[in-house]
Amino acid sequence: MIPIGSGAKIWIATGHFDMRKGMTGLSLLVQEHLHRQPFAGDVYVFRGRILARIAEHPARRLDELLPWNWHPLTQSKTEAA
């Protein structure tokens, strides 16, 4: 666990983001859209598309969405056809 300072703010982003951007790309989003310094001590929370897929996925097949079983959405649609 990383300790968070008592005065730190926690920013939760709405929507989904391309997590392939990595730390550099996400910190650039913080600078450009929130006009904040990403390494000043506040916490920024982002999420990828996988949560959107969970809501639409059959409950008995949720294990397919685990990271070690995950396939891009386009590939799984192709396999289903």
N, C-alpha and C. Protein backbone atom coordinates (compact mmCIF):
# COMPACT_ATOMS: atom_id res chain seq x y z
N MET A 1 0.84 -1.18 0.00
CA MET A 1 0.00 0.00 0.00
C MET A 1 0.88 1.24 0.00
N ILE A 2 0.42 2.24 -0.70
CA ILE A 2 1.11 3.53 -0.73
C ILE A 2 0.34 4.47 0.18
N PRO A 3 1.00 5.05 1.17
CA PRO A 3 0.28 5.97 2.06
C PRO A 3 -0.14 7.24 1.33
N ILE A 4 -1.32 7.73 1.66
CA ILE A 4 -1.85 8.96 1.07
C ILE A 4 -1.84 10.03 2.15
N GLY A 5 -1.35 11.21 1.81
CA GLY A 5 -1.30 12.31 2.77
C GLY A 5 -2.69 12.72 3.23
N SER A 6 -2.77 13.27 4.43
CA SER A 6 -4.08 13.64 4.99
C SER A 6 -4.75 14.75 4.20
N GLY A 7 -3.99 15.59 3.52
CA GLY A 7 -4.58 16.68 2.75
C GLY A 7 -4.80 16.36 1.29
N ALA A 8 -4.53 15.13 0.89
CA ALA A 8 -4.64 14.75 -0.52
C ALA A 8 -6.09 14.66 -0.95
N LYS A 9 -6.35 15.08 -2.17
CA LYS A 9 -7.67 14.93 -2.77
C LYS A 9 -7.65 13.69 -3.65
N ILE A 10 -8.80 13.04 -3.75
CA ILE A 10 -8.93 11.87 -4.62
C ILE A 10 -9.86 12.25 -5.76
N TRP A 11 -9.34 12.17 -6.97
CA TRP A 11 -10.09 12.51 -8.17
C TRP A 11 -10.46 11.22 -8.89
N ILE A 12 -11.76 11.01 -9.13
CA ILE A 12 -12.23 9.81 -9.81
C ILE A 12 -12.75 10.22 -11.19
N ALA A 13 -12.12 9.71 -12.22
CA ALA A 13 -12.51 10.06 -13.59
C ALA A 13 -13.74 9.26 -14.00
N THR A 14 -14.68 9.91 -14.67
CA THR A 14 -15.84 9.21 -15.20
C THR A 14 -15.53 8.77 -16.63
N GLY A 15 -16.26 7.79 -17.11
CA GLY A 15 -15.99 7.27 -18.44
C GLY A 15 -14.90 6.22 -18.39
N HIS A 16 -14.44 5.80 -19.55
CA HIS A 16 -13.37 4.81 -19.60
C HIS A 16 -12.20 5.40 -20.40
N PHE A 17 -11.03 4.92 -20.09
CA PHE A 17 -9.81 5.46 -20.67
C PHE A 17 -8.96 4.33 -21.23
N ASP A 18 -8.16 4.67 -22.21
CA ASP A 18 -7.24 3.71 -22.81
C ASP A 18 -6.06 3.53 -21.86
N MET A 19 -6.06 2.45 -21.11
CA MET A 19 -5.04 2.22 -20.11
C MET A 19 -3.68 1.90 -20.74
N ARG A 20 -3.65 1.68 -22.05
CA ARG A 20 -2.37 1.44 -22.72
C ARG A 20 -1.52 2.70 -22.78
N LYS A 21 -2.12 3.85 -22.47
CA LYS A 21 -1.36 5.10 -22.47
C LYS A 21 -0.30 5.10 -21.37
N GLY A 22 -0.49 4.29 -20.37
CA GLY A 22 0.47 4.21 -19.28
C GLY A 22 0.47 5.45 -18.41
N MET A 23 1.43 5.50 -17.52
CA MET A 23 1.53 6.59 -16.56
C MET A 23 1.74 7.94 -17.26
N THR A 24 2.53 7.95 -18.31
CA THR A 24 2.82 9.21 -19.02
C THR A 24 1.56 9.78 -19.67
N GLY A 25 0.81 8.94 -20.37
CA GLY A 25 -0.39 9.40 -21.05
C GLY A 25 -1.48 9.83 -20.09
N LEU A 26 -1.65 9.08 -19.00
CA LEU A 26 -2.68 9.44 -18.02
C LEU A 26 -2.31 10.71 -17.27
N SER A 27 -1.02 10.89 -16.97
CA SER A 27 -0.62 12.12 -16.29
C SER A 27 -0.80 13.33 -17.21
N LEU A 28 -0.63 13.13 -18.51
CA LEU A 28 -0.88 14.21 -19.47
C LEU A 28 -2.36 14.58 -19.48
N LEU A 29 -3.25 13.60 -19.36
CA LEU A 29 -4.69 13.88 -19.25
C LEU A 29 -4.98 14.74 -18.03
N VAL A 30 -4.35 14.43 -16.91
CA VAL A 30 -4.54 15.20 -15.68
C VAL A 30 -4.11 16.65 -15.90
N GLN A 31 -2.97 16.83 -16.55
CA GLN A 31 -2.46 18.19 -16.79
C GLN A 31 -3.34 18.97 -17.75
N GLU A 32 -3.75 18.34 -18.85
CA GLU A 32 -4.49 19.06 -19.89
C GLU A 32 -5.95 19.29 -19.55
N HIS A 33 -6.61 18.32 -18.94
CA HIS A 33 -8.05 18.43 -18.72
C HIS A 33 -8.43 18.93 -17.33
N LEU A 34 -7.64 18.60 -16.34
CA LEU A 34 -7.95 19.05 -14.98
C LEU A 34 -7.10 20.26 -14.57
N HIS A 35 -6.09 20.56 -15.37
CA HIS A 35 -5.16 21.65 -15.06
C HIS A 35 -4.56 21.48 -13.67
N ARG A 36 -4.14 20.26 -13.37
CA ARG A 36 -3.53 19.91 -12.08
C ARG A 36 -2.16 19.29 -12.35
N GLN A 37 -1.34 19.27 -11.32
CA GLN A 37 -0.03 18.61 -11.41
C GLN A 37 -0.19 17.17 -10.94
N PRO A 38 0.03 16.19 -11.80
CA PRO A 38 -0.26 14.79 -11.46
C PRO A 38 0.62 14.21 -10.35
N PHE A 39 1.76 14.80 -10.08
CA PHE A 39 2.66 14.24 -9.06
C PHE A 39 2.76 15.14 -7.83
N ALA A 40 1.73 15.95 -7.59
CA ALA A 40 1.75 16.90 -6.47
C ALA A 40 1.20 16.30 -5.18
N GLY A 41 0.77 15.03 -5.20
CA GLY A 41 0.30 14.39 -3.97
C GLY A 41 -1.16 13.96 -3.99
N ASP A 42 -1.95 14.45 -4.96
CA ASP A 42 -3.34 14.01 -5.07
C ASP A 42 -3.38 12.64 -5.75
N VAL A 43 -4.52 11.96 -5.64
CA VAL A 43 -4.69 10.63 -6.22
C VAL A 43 -5.70 10.73 -7.36
N TYR A 44 -5.37 10.13 -8.50
CA TYR A 44 -6.25 10.13 -9.67
C TYR A 44 -6.60 8.69 -10.01
N VAL A 45 -7.90 8.42 -10.17
CA VAL A 45 -8.37 7.06 -10.42
C VAL A 45 -9.00 7.02 -11.82
N PHE A 46 -8.52 6.09 -12.64
CA PHE A 46 -9.04 5.88 -13.98
C PHE A 46 -9.50 4.43 -14.10
N ARG A 47 -10.35 4.15 -15.07
CA ARG A 47 -10.73 2.76 -15.33
C ARG A 47 -10.73 2.51 -16.83
N GLY A 48 -10.53 1.26 -17.19
CA GLY A 48 -10.56 0.86 -18.58
C GLY A 48 -11.95 0.41 -18.98
N ARG A 49 -12.07 -0.19 -20.15
CA ARG A 49 -13.37 -0.62 -20.68
C ARG A 49 -13.91 -1.90 -20.04
N ILE A 50 -13.11 -2.64 -19.33
CA ILE A 50 -13.54 -3.95 -18.85
C ILE A 50 -14.78 -3.86 -17.95
N LEU A 51 -14.93 -2.80 -17.17
CA LEU A 51 -16.12 -2.67 -16.33
C LEU A 51 -17.38 -2.54 -17.16
N ALA A 52 -17.30 -1.88 -18.30
CA ALA A 52 -18.46 -1.76 -19.18
C ALA A 52 -18.83 -3.13 -19.74
N ARG A 53 -17.85 -3.97 -19.98
CA ARG A 53 -18.12 -5.31 -20.51
C ARG A 53 -18.74 -6.22 -19.47
N ILE A 54 -18.43 -6.04 -18.19
CA ILE A 54 -18.96 -6.90 -17.14
C ILE A 54 -20.48 -6.81 -17.09
N ALA A 55 -21.03 -5.60 -17.21
CA ALA A 55 -22.48 -5.41 -17.12
C ALA A 55 -23.22 -6.14 -18.24
N GLU A 56 -22.61 -6.26 -19.40
CA GLU A 56 -23.27 -6.89 -20.55
C GLU A 56 -22.97 -8.38 -20.67
N HIS A 57 -22.08 -8.89 -19.86
CA HIS A 57 -21.60 -10.26 -19.99
C HIS A 57 -22.48 -11.23 -19.18
N PRO A 58 -22.76 -12.43 -19.70
CA PRO A 58 -23.54 -13.40 -18.93
C PRO A 58 -22.84 -13.77 -17.62
N ALA A 59 -23.61 -13.83 -16.54
CA ALA A 59 -23.05 -14.06 -15.20
C ALA A 59 -22.30 -15.39 -15.12
N ARG A 60 -22.77 -16.42 -15.78
CA ARG A 60 -22.13 -17.73 -15.68
C ARG A 60 -20.79 -17.79 -16.43
N ARG A 61 -20.47 -16.73 -17.22
CA ARG A 61 -19.23 -16.71 -17.99
C ARG A 61 -18.31 -15.55 -17.58
N LEU A 62 -18.46 -15.03 -16.36
CA LEU A 62 -17.63 -13.91 -15.92
C LEU A 62 -16.14 -14.27 -15.85
N ASP A 63 -15.82 -15.56 -15.70
CA ASP A 63 -14.41 -15.96 -15.66
C ASP A 63 -13.68 -15.61 -16.96
N GLU A 64 -14.41 -15.44 -18.06
CA GLU A 64 -13.79 -15.05 -19.32
C GLU A 64 -13.18 -13.65 -19.25
N LEU A 65 -13.66 -12.83 -18.32
CA LEU A 65 -13.18 -11.45 -18.22
C LEU A 65 -12.01 -11.29 -17.26
N LEU A 66 -11.57 -12.37 -16.64
CA LEU A 66 -10.39 -12.29 -15.78
C LEU A 66 -9.18 -11.98 -16.64
N PRO A 67 -8.21 -11.24 -16.11
CA PRO A 67 -7.07 -10.80 -16.94
C PRO A 67 -6.36 -11.92 -17.69
N TRP A 68 -6.20 -13.08 -17.08
CA TRP A 68 -5.47 -14.16 -17.74
C TRP A 68 -6.32 -14.88 -18.79
N ASN A 69 -7.62 -14.62 -18.85
CA ASN A 69 -8.49 -15.21 -19.86
C ASN A 69 -9.00 -14.18 -20.87
N TRP A 70 -8.60 -12.93 -20.71
CA TRP A 70 -9.19 -11.84 -21.48
C TRP A 70 -8.71 -11.82 -22.92
N HIS A 71 -9.64 -11.53 -23.83
CA HIS A 71 -9.35 -11.33 -25.24
C HIS A 71 -10.03 -10.03 -25.66
N PRO A 72 -9.48 -9.32 -26.62
CA PRO A 72 -10.14 -8.10 -27.09
C PRO A 72 -11.56 -8.39 -27.55
N LEU A 73 -12.44 -7.43 -27.39
CA LEU A 73 -13.86 -7.60 -27.71
C LEU A 73 -14.06 -8.05 -29.15
N THR A 74 -13.31 -7.51 -30.10
CA THR A 74 -13.48 -7.88 -31.51
C THR A 74 -13.13 -9.36 -31.73
N GLN A 75 -12.12 -9.87 -31.03
CA GLN A 75 -11.73 -11.26 -31.20
C GLN A 75 -12.80 -12.20 -30.62
N SER A 76 -13.35 -11.87 -29.44
CA SER A 76 -14.34 -12.76 -28.84
C SER A 76 -15.63 -12.78 -29.67
N LYS A 77 -15.98 -11.66 -30.33
CA LYS A 77 -17.15 -11.66 -31.21
C LYS A 77 -16.89 -12.54 -32.43
N THR A 78 -15.68 -12.51 -32.95
CA THR A 78 -15.32 -13.32 -34.10
C THR A 78 -15.38 -14.80 -33.75
N GLU A 79 -14.89 -15.16 -32.56
CA GLU A 79 -14.90 -16.56 -32.14
C GLU A 79 -16.32 -17.07 -31.93
N ALA A 80 -17.22 -16.19 -31.48
CA ALA A 80 -18.59 -16.61 -31.20
C ALA A 80 -19.36 -16.90 -32.49
N ALA A 81 -18.95 -16.29 -33.60
CA ALA A 81 -19.67 -16.46 -34.88
C ALA A 81 -19.33 -17.76 -35.55
